[in-house]
Amino acid sequence: QVQLVESGGDLVQAGGSLRLSCAASINIYGFITMAWHRQAPGKQRELVAGLNSGGSTNYADSVKGRFTISRDNGKNTVYLQMNSLKAQDTAVYYCYARHIAGVYWGRGTQVTVSS
């Protein structure tokens, strides 16, 4: 069973930075796509940033220029560097991975940005 474990969520002031990590239980070379989604209270889960196996990235308009997704294949980990955080970035952030064998989600990590 593939597991994705997020870490790095915290309470931070507006304008601050955080780096989220998503550690996979298998070699991430096998993933077609890895991404970060988020869900704020009362809202639908939304895509924040995605990274495909070819290295292409995509971002939600609301985070472009502030967030960066990256991967470390040697550590089987995907990161989300979040800078210039805003109160509206407050949400539970979930790691997502699509593999030929299926789709997998982590349990989430809470990011709270105080204004």
Protein backbone atom coordinates (compact mmCIF):
# COMPACT_ATOMS: atom_id res chain seq x y z
CA GLN A 1 0.00 0.00 0.00
CA VAL A 2 1.41 3.35 -1.03
CA GLN A 3 1.55 5.92 1.74
CA LEU A 4 2.03 9.66 1.52
CA VAL A 5 2.91 11.50 4.71
CA GLU A 6 2.79 15.27 4.87
CA SER A 7 4.65 17.43 7.34
CA GLY A 8 5.62 21.05 7.84
CA GLY A 9 2.25 22.64 8.54
CA ASP A 10 2.25 25.29 11.22
CA LEU A 11 0.85 28.58 12.44
CA VAL A 12 2.63 31.49 10.76
CA GLN A 13 2.09 35.22 10.45
CA ALA A 14 1.03 36.78 7.19
CA GLY A 15 4.05 37.45 5.01
CA GLY A 16 5.92 34.48 6.42
CA SER A 17 7.09 31.26 4.78
CA LEU A 18 6.65 27.54 5.27
CA ARG A 19 7.92 24.46 3.48
CA LEU A 20 5.67 21.44 3.33
CA SER A 21 7.05 17.97 2.71
CA CYS A 22 5.36 14.87 1.37
CA ALA A 23 7.27 11.66 1.91
CA ALA A 24 6.24 8.67 -0.20
CA SER A 25 6.62 5.05 0.86
CA ILE A 26 7.77 4.04 -2.63
CA ASN A 27 10.12 5.40 -5.23
CA ILE A 28 8.52 8.53 -6.66
CA TYR A 29 9.97 7.82 -10.09
CA GLY A 30 6.86 5.72 -10.57
CA PHE A 31 4.43 8.57 -10.09
CA ILE A 32 2.95 10.18 -13.19
CA THR A 33 1.94 13.29 -11.28
CA MET A 34 2.47 14.59 -7.78
CA ALA A 35 0.61 17.59 -6.46
CA TRP A 36 -0.52 19.60 -3.51
CA HIS A 37 -4.18 20.37 -2.92
CA ARG A 38 -5.77 22.34 -0.10
CA GLN A 39 -9.13 22.58 1.54
CA ALA A 40 -10.24 25.54 3.61
CA PRO A 41 -13.20 25.28 6.00
CA GLY A 42 -16.48 25.33 4.10
CA LYS A 43 -14.76 25.20 0.72
CA GLN A 44 -14.03 22.54 -1.85
CA ARG A 45 -10.61 20.98 -2.14
CA GLU A 46 -8.57 22.76 -4.80
CA LEU A 47 -5.35 22.14 -6.67
CA VAL A 48 -2.51 24.34 -5.49
CA ALA A 49 0.48 23.05 -7.45
CA GLY A 50 1.29 20.06 -9.62
CA LEU A 51 4.45 18.44 -10.94
CA ASN A 52 4.52 15.77 -13.60
CA SER A 53 7.16 13.15 -14.28
CA GLY A 54 8.60 15.28 -17.07
CA GLY A 55 9.26 18.12 -14.68
CA SER A 56 6.48 20.44 -15.82
CA THR A 57 4.69 22.38 -13.12
CA ASN A 58 1.37 24.14 -12.84
CA TYR A 59 -0.02 26.42 -10.18
CA ALA A 60 -3.30 27.89 -9.08
CA ASP A 61 -3.50 31.55 -10.06
CA SER A 62 -3.82 32.49 -6.41
CA VAL A 63 -0.36 31.12 -5.55
CA LYS A 64 1.67 31.84 -8.69
CA GLY A 65 4.88 33.64 -7.87
CA ARG A 66 4.60 32.73 -4.18
CA PHE A 67 4.59 28.92 -4.05
CA THR A 68 7.04 26.47 -5.61
CA ILE A 69 6.64 22.71 -5.96
CA SER A 70 9.75 20.56 -6.23
CA ARG A 71 10.86 16.98 -5.74
CA ASP A 72 13.87 15.14 -4.37
CA ASN A 73 13.91 11.72 -6.01
CA GLY A 74 16.64 10.46 -3.70
CA LYS A 75 14.45 11.15 -0.67
CA ASN A 76 11.17 10.15 -2.35
CA THR A 77 9.82 13.50 -1.23
CA VAL A 78 7.89 16.33 -2.81
CA TYR A 79 8.01 19.81 -1.35
CA LEU A 80 5.86 22.90 -1.43
CA GLN A 81 7.73 26.08 -0.62
CA MET A 82 5.24 28.75 0.38
CA ASN A 83 6.35 32.37 0.61
CA SER A 84 4.48 35.62 1.26
CA LEU A 85 1.72 33.69 2.96
CA LYS A 86 -1.70 35.27 3.24
CA ALA A 87 -4.61 34.62 5.58
CA GLN A 88 -6.51 33.11 2.65
CA ASP A 89 -3.84 30.41 2.36
CA THR A 90 -5.13 28.94 5.61
CA ALA A 91 -6.24 25.37 4.88
CA VAL A 92 -5.41 21.73 5.27
CA TYR A 93 -2.85 20.86 2.62
CA TYR A 94 -2.96 17.40 1.07
CA CYS A 95 -0.35 15.57 -0.94
CA TYR A 96 -1.63 13.77 -4.04
CA ALA A 97 0.06 11.28 -6.31
CA ARG A 98 -1.10 9.54 -9.47
CA HIS A 99 0.50 6.24 -10.30
CA ILE A 100 -0.27 3.70 -13.00
CA ALA A 101 -1.61 1.56 -10.15
CA GLY A 102 -3.93 4.22 -8.75
CA VAL A 103 -4.38 7.58 -7.08
CA TYR A 104 -3.17 8.27 -3.57
CA TRP A 105 -3.74 10.97 -0.97
CA GLY A 106 -2.02 11.87 2.25
CA ARG A 107 -3.91 12.73 5.42
CA GLY A 108 -3.09 16.41 5.28
CA THR A 109 -1.20 19.00 7.28
CA GLN A 110 -2.73 22.16 8.71
CA VAL A 111 -1.43 25.55 7.63
CA THR A 112 -2.79 28.54 9.51
CA VAL A 113 -1.83 32.07 8.54
CA SER A 114 -2.64 34.80 11.03
CA SER A 115 -3.29 38.29 9.70
